[in-house]
């Protein structure tokens, strides 16, 4: 470095005297060649030294040196980032069998000392069917199979197999969508269920009438769907709906309780009476019941009056 600065000083001193003596272009050709050569050497040396200095500032020690250094984490945290171990993924928890849940008092009933049934779908999660089967008054089970033209209940296959294994009487239901093609809904339902595994007649869940669908079109599509089921099963399906929906949309049509069997939902203290005193088979009296072996809330139903289980049996 001392030689470098002495050389620079000599060049500057020579240029200073040349300038004092006159224009630099008055020098001889020999002096011009020497001057240009020295100037080029000066630029080259200056550029090389600047590049080496910058490289020394950025260069980091090799990995072996970092491992030996006690202060490597603090010294090079800005370069390497925070030194933390990778987090392990959480363990997957297996499905658990549901613990029994005590049945509380329901309305005016001190206990469910009557034949009753449950409507179930994926909302109930994993069900312990062995515990449900221990209840001698659990007379029938309806499982959601399909909805609309594309939805299949994720728990249907398992629930059907387990309920039948435990000796329970099982049927399947379809959630009817009035705005969708009834034939396509029928195709989905029939492709999902197995008629040979049905103990009960099919159930059609009718609860919604969209504003964009006229009442006449709704009835027509529902008729088509029910007629297709009748041809496939050899008997008319049962229809599930709410009391208010029945009286507003179904009571004065071909789809009424005089031509079809009905399950009526009405969450009241006393057994509901339909308009025109139309008869129905089953009363769903709660949508938030609890039962041993079922997680959370479940729909619970019972037969009305003198109606019996054999009226909804398929085979």
Protein backbone atom coordinates (compact mmCIF):
# COMPACT_ATOMS: atom_id res chain seq x y z
CA UNK A 1 0.00 0.00 0.00
CA UNK A 2 2.95 2.40 0.74
CA UNK A 3 4.41 1.78 -2.72
CA UNK A 4 0.98 2.39 -4.25
CA UNK A 5 0.57 5.78 -2.58
CA UNK A 6 4.17 6.82 -3.42
CA UNK A 7 3.47 5.96 -7.06
CA UNK A 8 0.27 8.00 -7.04
CA UNK A 9 2.16 10.90 -5.45
CA UNK A 10 4.86 10.75 -8.11
CA UNK A 11 2.28 10.79 -10.95
CA UNK A 12 0.41 13.73 -9.45
CA UNK A 13 3.68 15.63 -8.95
CA UNK A 14 4.74 15.00 -12.56
CA UNK A 15 1.32 16.14 -13.87
CA UNK A 16 1.51 19.26 -11.74
CA UNK A 17 4.88 20.32 -13.18
CA UNK A 18 3.76 19.51 -16.71
CA UNK A 19 0.68 21.66 -16.31
CA UNK A 20 2.83 24.50 -14.98
CA UNK A 21 5.14 24.21 -17.96
CA UNK A 22 2.25 24.33 -20.47
CA UNK A 23 -0.38 22.19 -22.05
CA UNK A 24 0.10 18.46 -21.69
CA UNK A 25 -0.21 18.08 -25.43
CA UNK A 26 3.08 19.99 -25.91
CA UNK A 27 4.98 16.96 -24.56
CA UNK A 28 7.03 14.82 -26.89
CA UNK A 29 5.61 11.59 -28.25
CA UNK A 30 7.87 9.62 -25.94
CA UNK A 31 6.62 11.45 -22.86
CA UNK A 32 2.98 11.08 -23.99
CA UNK A 33 3.34 7.29 -24.28
CA UNK A 34 4.88 7.10 -20.81
CA UNK A 35 2.11 9.32 -19.38
CA UNK A 36 -0.77 7.36 -20.92
CA UNK A 37 0.78 4.05 -19.82
CA UNK A 38 1.16 5.26 -16.25
CA UNK A 39 -2.40 6.60 -16.25
CA UNK A 40 -3.78 3.23 -17.45
CA UNK A 41 -1.76 1.37 -14.83
CA UNK A 42 -3.12 3.69 -12.18
CA UNK A 43 -6.75 3.00 -13.22
CA UNK A 44 -6.17 -0.77 -13.32
CA UNK A 45 -4.56 -0.90 -9.87
CA UNK A 46 -7.26 1.27 -8.35
CA UNK A 47 -10.11 -0.89 -9.76
CA UNK A 48 -8.46 -4.16 -8.63
CA UNK A 49 -7.86 -2.97 -5.08
CA UNK A 50 -11.48 -1.70 -4.77
CA UNK A 51 -12.92 -5.05 -5.91
CA UNK A 52 -10.75 -7.01 -3.43
CA UNK A 53 -11.78 -4.78 -0.57
CA UNK A 54 -15.52 -5.24 -1.33
CA UNK A 55 -15.14 -9.01 -1.57
CA UNK A 56 -13.54 -9.19 1.86
CA UNK A 57 -16.48 -7.32 3.43
CA UNK A 58 -19.15 -9.72 2.01
CA UNK A 59 -17.31 -13.02 2.34
CA UNK A 60 -18.54 -15.29 5.16
CA UNK A 61 -16.49 -18.00 6.80
CA UNK A 62 -17.03 -21.63 5.70
CA UNK A 63 -19.52 -23.92 7.47
CA UNK A 64 -16.78 -25.71 9.37
CA UNK A 65 -15.63 -22.44 10.92
CA UNK A 66 -19.20 -21.53 11.85
CA UNK A 67 -19.68 -24.85 13.61
CA UNK A 68 -16.51 -24.34 15.70
CA UNK A 69 -17.28 -20.74 16.58
CA UNK A 70 -19.22 -20.27 19.81
CA UNK A 71 -20.54 -16.89 18.70
CA UNK A 72 -21.56 -18.02 15.19
CA UNK A 73 -25.27 -17.62 15.95
CA UNK A 74 -24.89 -14.05 17.16
CA UNK A 75 -22.29 -12.98 14.60
CA UNK A 76 -24.06 -14.29 11.51
CA UNK A 77 -27.72 -14.13 12.49
CA UNK A 78 -28.31 -11.40 9.92
CA UNK A 79 -26.89 -13.60 7.16
CA UNK A 80 -28.20 -17.01 8.19
CA UNK A 81 -31.50 -15.88 9.72
CA UNK A 82 -32.91 -17.22 13.00
CA UNK A 83 -31.48 -20.62 13.87
CA UNK A 84 -34.49 -22.73 14.99
CA UNK A 85 -35.32 -26.43 14.59
CA UNK A 86 -38.11 -27.43 12.19
CA UNK A 87 -41.45 -27.90 13.91
CA UNK A 88 -42.89 -31.39 13.87
CA UNK A 89 -46.40 -31.74 12.37
CA UNK A 90 -49.20 -32.49 14.88
CA UNK A 91 -50.18 -36.11 15.24
CA UNK A 92 -53.42 -37.20 13.61
CA UNK A 93 -56.03 -38.27 16.13
CA UNK A 94 -58.03 -41.41 15.31
CA UNK A 95 -61.80 -41.39 15.38
CA UNK A 96 -63.12 -42.12 18.83
CA UNK A 97 -66.20 -44.06 19.84
CA UNK A 98 -68.67 -41.63 21.36
CA UNK A 99 -69.33 -41.91 25.05
CA UNK A 100 -72.94 -42.50 26.07
CA UNK A 101 -75.04 -39.40 26.62
CA UNK A 102 -77.91 -39.48 29.07
CA UNK A 103 -81.38 -38.81 27.58
CA UNK A 104 -82.99 -35.85 29.38
CA UNK A 105 -86.69 -35.34 29.91
CA UNK A 106 -88.40 -34.35 26.69
CA UNK A 107 -91.42 -32.05 27.02
CA UNK A 108 -94.09 -33.85 29.08
CA UNK A 109 -92.44 -37.27 28.83
CA UNK A 110 -90.57 -38.41 31.98
CA UNK A 111 -88.71 -40.90 29.74
CA UNK A 112 -88.99 -42.15 26.18
CA UNK A 113 -91.09 -45.16 27.11
CA UNK A 114 -92.54 -45.37 23.59
CA UNK A 115 -91.32 -46.66 20.26
CA UNK A 116 -89.23 -43.91 18.67
CA UNK A 117 -86.87 -43.33 15.77
CA UNK A 118 -83.95 -41.14 14.74
CA UNK A 119 -83.12 -39.17 11.60
CA UNK A 120 -79.35 -39.04 11.11
CA UNK A 121 -76.73 -37.69 8.73
CA UNK A 122 -73.08 -36.66 8.80
CA UNK A 123 -74.02 -33.95 11.33
CA UNK A 124 -74.05 -36.59 14.08
CA UNK A 125 -70.47 -37.59 13.31
CA UNK A 126 -69.29 -41.02 14.48
CA UNK A 127 -72.23 -42.89 16.02
CA UNK A 128 -71.91 -45.85 18.41
CA UNK A 129 -74.56 -48.12 16.93
CA UNK A 130 -73.98 -50.89 19.46
CA UNK A 131 -75.15 -48.58 22.24
CA UNK A 132 -78.19 -47.41 20.27
CA UNK A 133 -79.17 -51.01 19.57
CA UNK A 134 -79.33 -51.71 23.31
CA UNK A 135 -82.42 -49.48 23.52
CA UNK A 136 -85.38 -51.83 22.85
CA UNK A 137 -87.62 -48.85 21.98
CA UNK A 138 -85.35 -47.51 19.22
CA UNK A 139 -87.67 -48.82 16.55
CA UNK A 140 -86.51 -47.23 13.29
CA UNK A 141 -83.67 -45.22 11.77
CA UNK A 142 -83.77 -42.97 8.71
CA UNK A 143 -80.38 -42.07 7.25
CA UNK A 144 -79.69 -39.22 4.87
CA UNK A 145 -78.37 -40.63 1.60
CA UNK A 146 -78.46 -37.78 -0.91
CA UNK A 147 -79.43 -34.16 -1.56
CA UNK A 148 -80.22 -32.44 -4.84
CA UNK A 149 -78.38 -33.78 -7.87
CA UNK A 150 -74.79 -34.01 -6.63
CA UNK A 151 -74.52 -34.35 -2.84
CA UNK A 152 -74.02 -37.71 -1.13
CA UNK A 153 -73.89 -37.86 2.67
CA UNK A 154 -70.37 -38.76 3.78
CA UNK A 155 -71.53 -40.99 6.66
CA UNK A 156 -74.33 -42.80 4.83
CA UNK A 157 -72.49 -46.00 3.86
CA UNK A 158 -70.94 -46.50 7.28
CA UNK A 159 -74.15 -45.70 9.16
CA UNK A 160 -76.17 -48.07 6.98
CA UNK A 161 -73.79 -50.99 7.44
CA UNK A 162 -73.36 -50.47 11.18
CA UNK A 163 -77.07 -49.98 11.90
CA UNK A 164 -77.98 -53.14 9.97
CA UNK A 165 -75.20 -55.07 11.70
CA UNK A 166 -76.78 -54.14 15.03
CA UNK A 167 -80.20 -55.34 13.91
CA UNK A 168 -81.90 -51.94 13.64
CA UNK A 169 -84.64 -51.20 11.09
CA UNK A 170 -83.12 -48.75 8.60
CA UNK A 171 -84.40 -46.63 5.71
CA UNK A 172 -82.89 -43.90 3.51
CA UNK A 173 -84.04 -40.41 2.67
CA UNK A 174 -83.36 -37.82 -0.01
CA UNK A 175 -83.40 -34.06 0.58
CA UNK A 176 -85.50 -32.75 -2.30
CA UNK A 177 -84.49 -29.52 -4.06
CA UNK A 178 -87.43 -27.99 -5.98
CA UNK A 179 -85.20 -25.92 -8.29
CA UNK A 180 -83.38 -29.02 -9.63
CA UNK A 181 -84.32 -31.69 -12.15
CA UNK A 182 -86.35 -34.43 -10.39
CA UNK A 183 -85.09 -37.20 -12.70
CA UNK A 184 -81.47 -36.35 -11.94
CA UNK A 185 -82.26 -36.29 -8.22
CA UNK A 186 -83.85 -39.72 -8.54
CA UNK A 187 -80.80 -41.07 -10.41
CA UNK A 188 -78.46 -39.85 -7.68
CA UNK A 189 -80.58 -41.39 -4.92
CA UNK A 190 -80.91 -44.76 -6.64
CA UNK A 191 -77.21 -44.91 -7.49
CA UNK A 192 -76.34 -44.30 -3.82
CA UNK A 193 -78.68 -46.68 -2.01
CA UNK A 194 -79.12 -50.44 -2.31
CA UNK A 195 -82.80 -51.44 -2.38
CA UNK A 196 -81.95 -54.87 -1.00
CA UNK A 197 -80.58 -53.24 2.18
CA UNK A 198 -83.66 -51.11 2.86
CA UNK A 199 -85.89 -52.21 5.75
CA UNK A 200 -88.15 -49.14 5.51
CA UNK A 201 -89.93 -47.41 2.65
CA UNK A 202 -88.00 -44.43 1.18
CA UNK A 203 -88.44 -41.00 2.73
CA UNK A 204 -88.48 -37.69 0.80
CA UNK A 205 -87.42 -34.63 2.81
CA UNK A 206 -89.38 -31.61 1.53
CA UNK A 207 -88.71 -28.40 3.45
CA UNK A 208 -87.74 -25.64 1.02
CA UNK A 209 -89.52 -23.86 -1.83
CA UNK A 210 -87.26 -21.26 -3.50
CA UNK A 211 -88.89 -18.01 -4.58
CA UNK A 212 -87.83 -18.46 -8.20
CA UNK A 213 -89.78 -21.75 -8.40
CA UNK A 214 -93.53 -21.47 -8.83
CA UNK A 215 -95.82 -23.57 -6.67
CA UNK A 216 -97.21 -25.50 -9.66
CA UNK A 217 -93.71 -26.35 -10.91
CA UNK A 218 -92.72 -27.44 -7.40
CA UNK A 219 -95.67 -29.85 -7.14
CA UNK A 220 -95.06 -31.19 -10.65
CA UNK A 221 -91.40 -31.95 -9.94
CA UNK A 222 -92.21 -33.52 -6.58
CA UNK A 223 -94.83 -35.73 -8.23
CA UNK A 224 -92.32 -36.90 -10.84
CA UNK A 225 -89.76 -37.75 -8.17
CA UNK A 226 -92.29 -39.65 -6.02
CA UNK A 227 -93.68 -41.56 -9.00
CA UNK A 228 -90.19 -42.68 -9.99
CA UNK A 229 -89.58 -43.96 -6.47
CA UNK A 230 -92.92 -45.76 -6.48
CA UNK A 231 -91.99 -47.59 -9.69
CA UNK A 232 -88.60 -48.59 -8.26
CA UNK A 233 -89.80 -49.71 -4.81
CA UNK A 234 -93.29 -50.88 -5.67
CA UNK A 235 -94.80 -48.60 -3.03
CA UNK A 236 -95.25 -44.89 -2.45
CA UNK A 237 -92.54 -43.11 -0.47
CA UNK A 238 -93.22 -41.34 2.80
CA UNK A 239 -92.82 -37.55 2.83
CA UNK A 240 -91.19 -35.59 5.62
CA UNK A 241 -92.03 -31.92 6.11
CA UNK A 242 -92.90 -29.33 8.74
CA UNK A 243 -96.48 -28.68 9.86
CA UNK A 244 -96.55 -25.13 8.53
CA UNK A 245 -94.96 -26.11 5.20
CA UNK A 246 -97.53 -28.89 4.75
CA UNK A 247 -100.52 -26.64 5.39
CA UNK A 248 -99.21 -23.88 3.13
CA UNK A 249 -97.85 -25.86 0.16
CA UNK A 250 -99.11 -29.47 0.23
CA UNK A 251 -102.49 -29.79 1.97
CA UNK A 252 -104.57 -28.89 -1.12
CA UNK A 253 -102.51 -30.73 -3.74
CA UNK A 254 -102.12 -34.30 -4.99
CA UNK A 255 -99.19 -34.63 -2.60
CA UNK A 256 -101.16 -34.66 0.65
CA UNK A 257 -101.69 -36.86 3.67
CA UNK A 258 -104.71 -38.54 2.09
CA UNK A 259 -102.62 -39.98 -0.75
CA UNK A 260 -99.16 -40.27 0.85
CA UNK A 261 -97.81 -41.26 4.22
CA UNK A 262 -96.33 -38.32 6.10
CA UNK A 263 -93.82 -37.62 8.85
CA UNK A 264 -94.64 -34.20 10.31
CA UNK A 265 -92.12 -32.10 12.23
CA UNK A 266 -93.55 -29.83 14.92
CA UNK A 267 -91.49 -29.01 18.00
CA UNK A 268 -94.36 -28.36 20.38
CA UNK A 269 -95.55 -29.86 23.65
CA UNK A 270 -98.63 -31.57 22.27
CA UNK A 271 -99.21 -33.71 19.22
CA UNK A 272 -100.05 -31.33 16.34
CA UNK A 273 -103.32 -31.46 14.38
CA UNK A 274 -103.14 -30.76 10.66
CA UNK A 275 -105.50 -28.59 8.66
CA UNK A 276 -108.62 -30.52 7.62
CA UNK A 277 -107.58 -33.04 10.28
CA UNK A 278 -105.43 -34.88 7.76
CA UNK A 279 -103.87 -38.02 9.17
CA UNK A 280 -100.14 -38.70 9.36
CA UNK A 281 -98.05 -41.58 10.65
CA UNK A 282 -95.08 -40.10 12.49
CA UNK A 283 -94.56 -36.99 14.59
CA UNK A 284 -91.02 -35.61 14.86
CA UNK A 285 -91.29 -33.85 18.18
CA UNK A 286 -87.75 -32.53 18.63
CA UNK A 287 -84.80 -31.48 16.52
CA UNK A 288 -82.44 -31.16 19.47
CA UNK A 289 -82.81 -34.44 21.31
CA UNK A 290 -79.96 -36.43 22.82
CA UNK A 291 -79.46 -40.16 23.07
CA UNK A 292 -76.89 -42.66 24.23
CA UNK A 293 -74.31 -43.29 21.52
CA UNK A 294 -75.05 -40.11 19.55
CA UNK A 295 -72.86 -37.04 19.75
CA UNK A 296 -74.68 -33.72 19.94
CA UNK A 297 -78.28 -33.14 18.91
CA UNK A 298 -80.49 -35.47 16.91
CA UNK A 299 -84.04 -35.50 15.47
CA UNK A 300 -86.35 -37.86 17.36
CA UNK A 301 -89.76 -39.08 16.17
CA UNK A 302 -92.62 -41.30 17.37
CA UNK A 303 -95.66 -42.93 15.84
CA UNK A 304 -98.93 -41.05 16.10
CA UNK A 305 -102.11 -42.58 17.48
CA UNK A 306 -102.58 -46.21 16.51
CA UNK A 307 -100.01 -46.24 13.70
CA UNK A 308 -97.42 -48.98 13.90
CA UNK A 309 -93.95 -49.81 12.61
CA UNK A 310 -95.27 -52.29 10.04
CA UNK A 311 -96.87 -49.40 8.10
CA UNK A 312 -93.44 -48.11 7.00
CA UNK A 313 -91.75 -51.49 6.57
CA UNK A 314 -90.49 -52.19 3.05
CA UNK A 315 -89.45 -55.80 3.48
